[in-house]
Protein backbone atom coordinates (compact mmCIF):
# COMPACT_ATOMS: atom_id res chain seq x y z
CA MET A 1 119.51 -60.87 -27.62
CA LYS A 2 121.40 -63.28 -29.90
CA ASN A 3 118.09 -64.56 -31.28
CA LYS A 4 117.03 -60.97 -31.96
CA TYR A 5 120.19 -60.24 -33.97
CA LEU A 6 119.87 -63.55 -35.76
CA LEU A 7 116.34 -62.70 -36.81
CA MET A 8 117.51 -59.29 -38.06
CA VAL A 9 120.30 -60.89 -40.10
CA VAL A 10 117.88 -63.41 -41.60
CA PHE A 11 115.45 -60.61 -42.41
CA VAL A 12 118.11 -58.49 -44.14
CA LEU A 13 119.43 -61.48 -46.08
CA SER A 14 115.91 -62.33 -47.23
CA ILE A 15 115.41 -58.78 -48.55
CA ILE A 16 118.73 -58.95 -50.40
CA ALA A 17 117.71 -62.29 -51.88
CA VAL A 18 114.38 -60.88 -53.09
CA LEU A 19 116.01 -57.79 -54.61
CA SER A 20 118.65 -59.94 -56.25
CA SER A 21 115.96 -62.19 -57.68
CA GLN A 22 114.06 -59.16 -59.02
CA ASN A 23 117.20 -57.78 -60.62
CA ASN A 24 117.86 -61.11 -62.30
CA LYS A 25 114.40 -61.01 -63.74
CA THR A 26 114.89 -57.57 -65.30
CA THR A 27 118.52 -57.68 -66.37
CA PHE A 28 118.56 -59.43 -69.72
CA LEU A 29 121.45 -57.94 -71.67
CA ASN A 30 124.28 -58.37 -69.17
CA ASP A 31 125.33 -54.77 -69.79
CA GLN A 32 125.49 -55.22 -73.58
CA GLU A 33 123.83 -52.23 -75.21
CA ASP A 34 124.69 -53.04 -78.82
CA ILE A 35 123.06 -55.39 -81.28
CA SER A 36 124.91 -56.94 -84.24
CA LEU A 37 123.20 -56.73 -87.65
CA LEU A 38 124.07 -58.85 -90.64
CA ASN A 39 123.51 -57.06 -93.94
CA PRO A 40 122.47 -59.90 -96.29
CA GLU A 41 123.36 -57.88 -99.39
CA ASP A 42 127.09 -57.75 -98.69
CA ASN A 43 127.45 -60.05 -95.65
CA THR A 44 128.86 -57.24 -93.51
CA ILE A 45 128.15 -57.05 -89.79
CA ALA A 46 127.50 -53.76 -88.03
CA LYS A 47 126.97 -53.00 -84.37
CA MET A 48 124.59 -50.35 -83.15
CA ASN A 49 122.62 -49.24 -80.13
CA LEU A 50 119.54 -51.38 -79.55
CA GLU A 51 117.15 -48.43 -79.29
CA ASP A 52 118.46 -46.92 -82.54
CA TYR A 53 117.96 -50.31 -84.17
CA VAL A 54 114.34 -50.42 -82.96
CA VAL A 55 113.69 -47.05 -84.63
CA GLY A 56 114.90 -48.51 -87.92
CA VAL A 57 112.75 -51.61 -87.51
CA VAL A 58 109.55 -49.70 -86.73
CA ALA A 59 110.20 -47.45 -89.73
CA ALA A 60 110.53 -50.51 -91.96
CA GLU A 61 107.86 -52.73 -90.48
CA MET A 62 104.90 -50.41 -89.80
CA PRO A 63 103.46 -47.49 -91.81
CA ALA A 64 104.36 -44.17 -90.18
CA LEU A 65 100.75 -43.07 -90.74
CA PHE A 66 99.59 -45.58 -88.12
CA GLN A 67 98.27 -44.52 -84.72
CA GLU A 68 100.83 -43.65 -82.03
CA GLU A 69 99.71 -46.49 -79.73
CA ALA A 70 100.11 -48.99 -82.57
CA LEU A 71 103.63 -47.68 -83.23
CA LYS A 72 104.44 -48.05 -79.54
CA ALA A 73 103.17 -51.64 -79.59
CA GLN A 74 105.34 -52.28 -82.65
CA ALA A 75 108.37 -50.77 -80.89
CA VAL A 76 107.97 -53.11 -77.90
CA ALA A 77 107.40 -56.13 -80.13
CA ALA A 78 110.45 -55.29 -82.27
CA ARG A 79 112.65 -54.71 -79.22
CA THR A 80 111.45 -57.94 -77.62
CA TYR A 81 112.09 -59.97 -80.75
CA ALA A 82 115.57 -58.44 -81.06
CA LEU A 83 116.45 -59.19 -77.46
CA TYR A 84 115.22 -62.75 -77.82
CA LYS A 85 117.50 -63.19 -80.84
CA MET A 86 120.41 -61.65 -78.92
CA GLN A 87 119.92 -64.18 -76.15
CA HIS A 88 119.64 -67.18 -78.46
CA THR A 89 122.00 -66.45 -81.35
CA GLN A 90 124.64 -69.03 -82.22
CA GLU A 91 126.17 -66.88 -84.95
CA ASN A 92 128.61 -64.00 -84.87
CA TYR A 93 125.65 -61.67 -85.37
CA ASP A 94 122.30 -61.26 -83.60
CA VAL A 95 119.82 -60.47 -86.37
CA ILE A 96 119.60 -60.34 -90.14
CA ALA A 97 118.53 -56.92 -91.38
CA ASP A 98 115.71 -58.12 -93.64
CA ILE A 99 112.34 -59.85 -93.41
CA SER A 100 113.92 -63.18 -92.52
CA ASN A 101 114.17 -61.62 -89.03
CA GLN A 102 112.98 -58.00 -88.96
CA ALA A 103 113.17 -55.48 -91.76
CA TYR A 104 115.36 -52.47 -90.98
CA LEU A 105 115.87 -49.04 -92.55
CA THR A 106 118.80 -46.70 -92.20
CA LYS A 107 118.15 -42.96 -91.93
CA GLU A 108 119.10 -42.57 -95.59
CA GLU A 109 116.59 -45.24 -96.58
CA MET A 110 113.93 -43.53 -94.46
CA GLN A 111 114.62 -40.26 -96.29
CA ASP A 112 114.22 -42.00 -99.64
CA LYS A 113 110.99 -43.60 -98.45
CA TRP A 114 109.33 -40.55 -96.88
CA GLN A 115 110.88 -37.71 -98.91
CA GLN A 116 109.44 -34.37 -97.70
CA ASP A 117 107.70 -36.08 -94.76
CA TYR A 118 110.94 -37.49 -93.35
CA ASP A 119 111.27 -35.10 -90.39
CA LYS A 120 107.65 -35.56 -89.35
CA TYR A 121 107.60 -39.34 -89.62
CA TYR A 122 111.04 -39.85 -88.10
CA ALA A 123 110.07 -37.75 -85.07
CA LYS A 124 106.83 -39.69 -84.69
CA ILE A 125 108.53 -43.08 -84.74
CA LYS A 126 111.42 -41.90 -82.57
CA LYS A 127 108.91 -40.73 -79.96
CA ALA A 128 107.10 -44.10 -80.01
CA VAL A 129 110.41 -45.84 -79.32
CA GLU A 130 111.41 -43.36 -76.60
CA ASP A 131 107.99 -43.57 -74.93
CA THR A 132 108.49 -47.33 -74.55
CA ASN A 133 112.22 -47.10 -73.83
CA SER A 134 113.71 -50.48 -72.85
CA GLN A 135 110.32 -52.19 -72.45
CA VAL A 136 110.12 -55.84 -73.46
CA MET A 137 107.57 -58.62 -73.06
CA THR A 138 108.25 -61.57 -70.80
CA TYR A 139 106.48 -64.81 -69.97
CA ASN A 140 107.53 -66.77 -66.89
CA ASP A 141 110.32 -64.21 -66.47
CA GLN A 142 111.76 -65.02 -69.90
CA VAL A 143 111.86 -62.74 -72.95
CA ILE A 144 109.35 -64.03 -75.49
CA ILE A 145 109.80 -64.54 -79.21
CA ALA A 146 107.50 -61.74 -80.29
CA TYR A 147 106.26 -62.76 -83.73
CA TYR A 148 104.10 -60.25 -85.58
CA PHE A 149 102.65 -59.88 -89.07
CA ALA A 150 100.69 -57.47 -91.24
CA MET A 151 97.00 -58.45 -91.26
CA SER A 152 94.98 -61.40 -89.99
CA ASN A 153 92.08 -63.15 -91.68
CA GLY A 154 89.92 -62.32 -88.66
CA LYS A 155 91.87 -64.53 -86.26
CA THR A 156 95.53 -64.96 -85.42
CA GLU A 157 97.07 -68.42 -85.71
CA ASP A 158 98.58 -70.73 -83.09
CA ALA A 159 102.38 -70.79 -83.37
CA SER A 160 102.43 -74.59 -83.34
CA ILE A 161 100.60 -74.73 -86.68
CA VAL A 162 102.87 -72.28 -88.52
CA PHE A 163 106.26 -72.73 -86.87
CA GLY A 164 105.86 -76.12 -85.22
CA GLU A 165 106.58 -74.67 -81.80
CA LYS A 166 104.11 -74.50 -78.93
CA GLU A 167 104.17 -71.26 -76.97
CA ASP A 168 101.40 -70.55 -74.48
CA TYR A 169 101.56 -66.82 -75.20
CA LEU A 170 101.19 -67.33 -78.98
CA GLU A 171 97.71 -68.83 -79.14
CA SER A 172 94.98 -67.90 -81.59
CA VAL A 173 92.83 -64.86 -80.73
CA ASP A 174 90.05 -63.04 -82.56
CA SER A 175 91.22 -60.07 -84.62
CA PHE A 176 88.02 -59.09 -86.40
CA TRP A 177 89.20 -55.48 -86.70
CA ASP A 178 91.36 -56.52 -89.66
CA LYS A 179 88.27 -57.14 -91.78
CA ASN A 180 87.73 -53.36 -91.91
CA VAL A 181 91.07 -52.80 -93.65
CA ASP A 182 91.43 -52.17 -97.38
CA ASN A 183 92.83 -55.13 -99.33
CA PHE A 184 91.65 -57.59 -96.70
CA VAL A 185 90.45 -59.84 -99.55
CA VAL A 186 92.65 -59.97 -102.67
CA THR A 187 92.25 -62.10 -105.80
CA ASN A 188 95.14 -62.64 -108.18
CA THR A 189 95.38 -64.72 -111.34
CA ILE A 190 98.44 -66.87 -111.98
CA ALA A 191 99.21 -68.39 -115.36
CA LYS A 192 98.79 -72.15 -115.38
CA GLU A 193 102.36 -72.66 -116.56
CA GLU A 194 103.76 -70.63 -113.66
CA PHE A 195 101.47 -72.40 -111.19
CA CYS A 196 102.65 -75.83 -112.37
CA THR A 197 106.30 -74.84 -112.57
CA GLN A 198 106.41 -73.47 -109.04
CA LEU A 199 104.69 -76.57 -107.64
CA ASN A 200 106.43 -79.01 -110.00
CA LEU A 201 103.12 -80.35 -111.34
CA ASP A 202 101.92 -81.83 -114.61
CA CYS A 203 99.86 -79.09 -116.23
CA THR A 204 97.80 -81.40 -118.46
CA ASN A 205 94.87 -81.49 -116.05
CA ILE A 206 95.04 -79.42 -112.85
CA ARG A 207 92.83 -80.91 -110.16
CA ILE A 208 92.20 -79.34 -106.76
CA GLY A 209 91.40 -82.06 -104.25
CA GLU A 210 90.78 -82.21 -100.51
CA ILE A 211 91.58 -79.12 -98.43
CA THR A 212 92.18 -79.36 -94.66
CA ARG A 213 91.92 -76.10 -92.73
CA SER A 214 92.83 -75.06 -89.20
CA ASN A 215 90.31 -73.63 -86.74
CA THR A 216 91.17 -70.19 -88.14
CA ASN A 217 90.26 -71.22 -91.72
CA ARG A 218 93.89 -71.22 -92.88
CA VAL A 219 94.93 -74.07 -95.14
CA ASN A 220 96.88 -76.77 -93.33
CA LYS A 221 97.00 -79.22 -96.23
CA ILE A 222 95.75 -79.24 -99.80
CA VAL A 223 95.78 -81.97 -102.45
CA ILE A 224 96.61 -80.87 -106.00
CA ASN A 225 96.87 -83.49 -108.76
CA ASP A 226 96.85 -86.21 -106.09
CA GLU A 227 99.89 -84.66 -104.37
CA GLU A 228 99.58 -83.28 -100.84
CA PHE A 229 101.05 -79.87 -99.98
CA LYS A 230 101.21 -77.91 -96.74
CA GLY A 231 99.41 -74.58 -96.85
CA THR A 232 102.64 -72.84 -95.81
CA THR A 233 104.43 -74.48 -98.75
CA ILE A 234 101.83 -73.23 -101.23
CA ARG A 235 102.05 -69.74 -99.78
CA SER A 236 105.84 -69.72 -100.02
CA LYS A 237 106.14 -71.17 -103.53
CA LEU A 238 103.39 -69.01 -105.01
CA ASN A 239 104.23 -65.92 -102.93
CA LEU A 240 100.68 -65.66 -101.56
CA ARG A 241 99.61 -63.02 -99.06
CA SER A 242 98.40 -65.62 -96.54
CA THR A 243 97.50 -69.28 -96.04
CA ASP A 244 93.79 -68.47 -95.93
CA PHE A 245 93.24 -68.96 -99.64
CA ASP A 246 90.86 -70.43 -102.21
CA ILE A 247 92.01 -71.76 -105.59
CA GLU A 248 89.86 -71.74 -108.72
CA VAL A 249 91.04 -73.26 -112.00
CA THR A 250 89.72 -71.38 -115.05
CA ASP A 251 90.42 -71.34 -118.76
CA LYS A 252 92.40 -68.11 -118.34
CA GLY A 253 94.53 -69.23 -115.42
CA ILE A 254 94.49 -69.98 -111.70
CA ASN A 255 92.48 -67.54 -109.58
CA ILE A 256 93.71 -67.42 -105.97
CA THR A 257 91.78 -65.42 -103.38
CA THR A 258 93.51 -64.66 -100.08
CA ARG A 259 92.29 -63.12 -96.84
CA GLY A 260 94.72 -61.23 -94.64
CA TYR A 261 98.46 -60.84 -95.10
CA GLY A 262 101.28 -62.64 -93.32
CA HIS A 263 101.97 -65.81 -91.34
CA GLY A 264 99.27 -65.00 -88.77
CA VAL A 265 101.20 -65.57 -85.53
CA GLY A 266 101.38 -62.98 -82.74
CA MET A 267 100.36 -59.36 -83.21
CA SER A 268 98.45 -58.24 -86.27
CA GLN A 269 99.86 -54.84 -87.19
CA TYR A 270 96.72 -53.63 -88.92
CA GLY A 271 94.65 -55.07 -86.10
CA ALA A 272 96.79 -53.15 -83.63
CA ASN A 273 96.17 -49.95 -85.57
CA GLU A 274 92.42 -50.53 -85.63
CA MET A 275 92.50 -51.19 -81.86
CA ALA A 276 94.44 -47.95 -81.35
CA LYS A 277 91.77 -46.06 -83.29
CA LEU A 278 89.23 -47.41 -80.79
CA GLY A 279 91.24 -46.06 -77.87
CA PHE A 280 93.22 -49.10 -76.75
CA THR A 281 96.67 -48.38 -75.31
CA TYR A 282 99.80 -50.11 -76.54
CA GLU A 283 99.92 -52.16 -73.32
CA GLU A 284 96.36 -53.35 -73.92
CA ILE A 285 97.14 -54.17 -77.55
CA LEU A 286 100.20 -56.21 -76.64
CA LYS A 287 98.52 -58.09 -73.81
CA TYR A 288 95.64 -58.92 -76.14
CA TYR A 289 97.75 -60.47 -78.88
CA TYR A 290 100.38 -62.03 -76.58
CA LYS A 291 98.54 -63.94 -73.87
CA ASN A 292 99.51 -63.52 -70.19
CA VAL A 293 102.73 -61.64 -70.86
CA ASN A 294 104.28 -58.99 -68.64
CA LEU A 295 105.77 -55.69 -69.77
CA THR A 296 109.19 -55.39 -68.19
CA LYS A 297 111.86 -52.71 -68.20
CA ASN A 298 114.98 -54.14 -69.78
CA VAL A 299 117.93 -52.99 -67.69
CA VAL A 300 121.13 -52.47 -69.68
């Protein structure tokens, strides 16, 4: 009889241990529902509900005209990124309310942006957030850093190449849908003086030397006037749409042709919209761009 009771106690304790383990895997905020936003314009910090914040991010980061499943994917990615920042912040705020983290719009800014379409677009984005309420992406039971960007060059980029950090869920994938989007290829002309000033070069004789590209055709390194630059440096200094670029020196200036838009890591927003048009769900979109992740309910 004692052995029978002992077995029952062990069984009950094992169930409690499993449930406790499951709860630990889904409870990420430790009962904190608010996120702290730093406004970079006046250095003020505001606290607000995480779900309300996600509405403002989706409104800022993705066109309201996009497909509902793409907006849902954006909501989960934005929420996941925010929660990751909340877990890892070492400041007295969680996120910066601009593109250095995630862009964010207040309701007043949404009204200015959408004008007479405000009610329609706000309701659409609010629904996308509510339909994915509290969902985040995890990998090995940890909230991921959910990078995303506007438009790929046909492939996304490995995080290690852009950010110098290796994440198994942020590997390169095909995103050929982006090639169907307007402004996929853009050519701009920069004055030689501006080109040389931004790169601190002698403008007497501009010479484009060896170019090293990644497997996704983005520029890793480029030699200009015998000086080596990283592709990310060129993009930043010249404010280019992407690191998949070609440079042509002409008598009239410097022609730069880019393909895609953004750093290239994680989910392509335009790619997500094209996938949604083809009938993919937001879960399928997310699990395509972020490899081997799980969608988890964030318990607050």
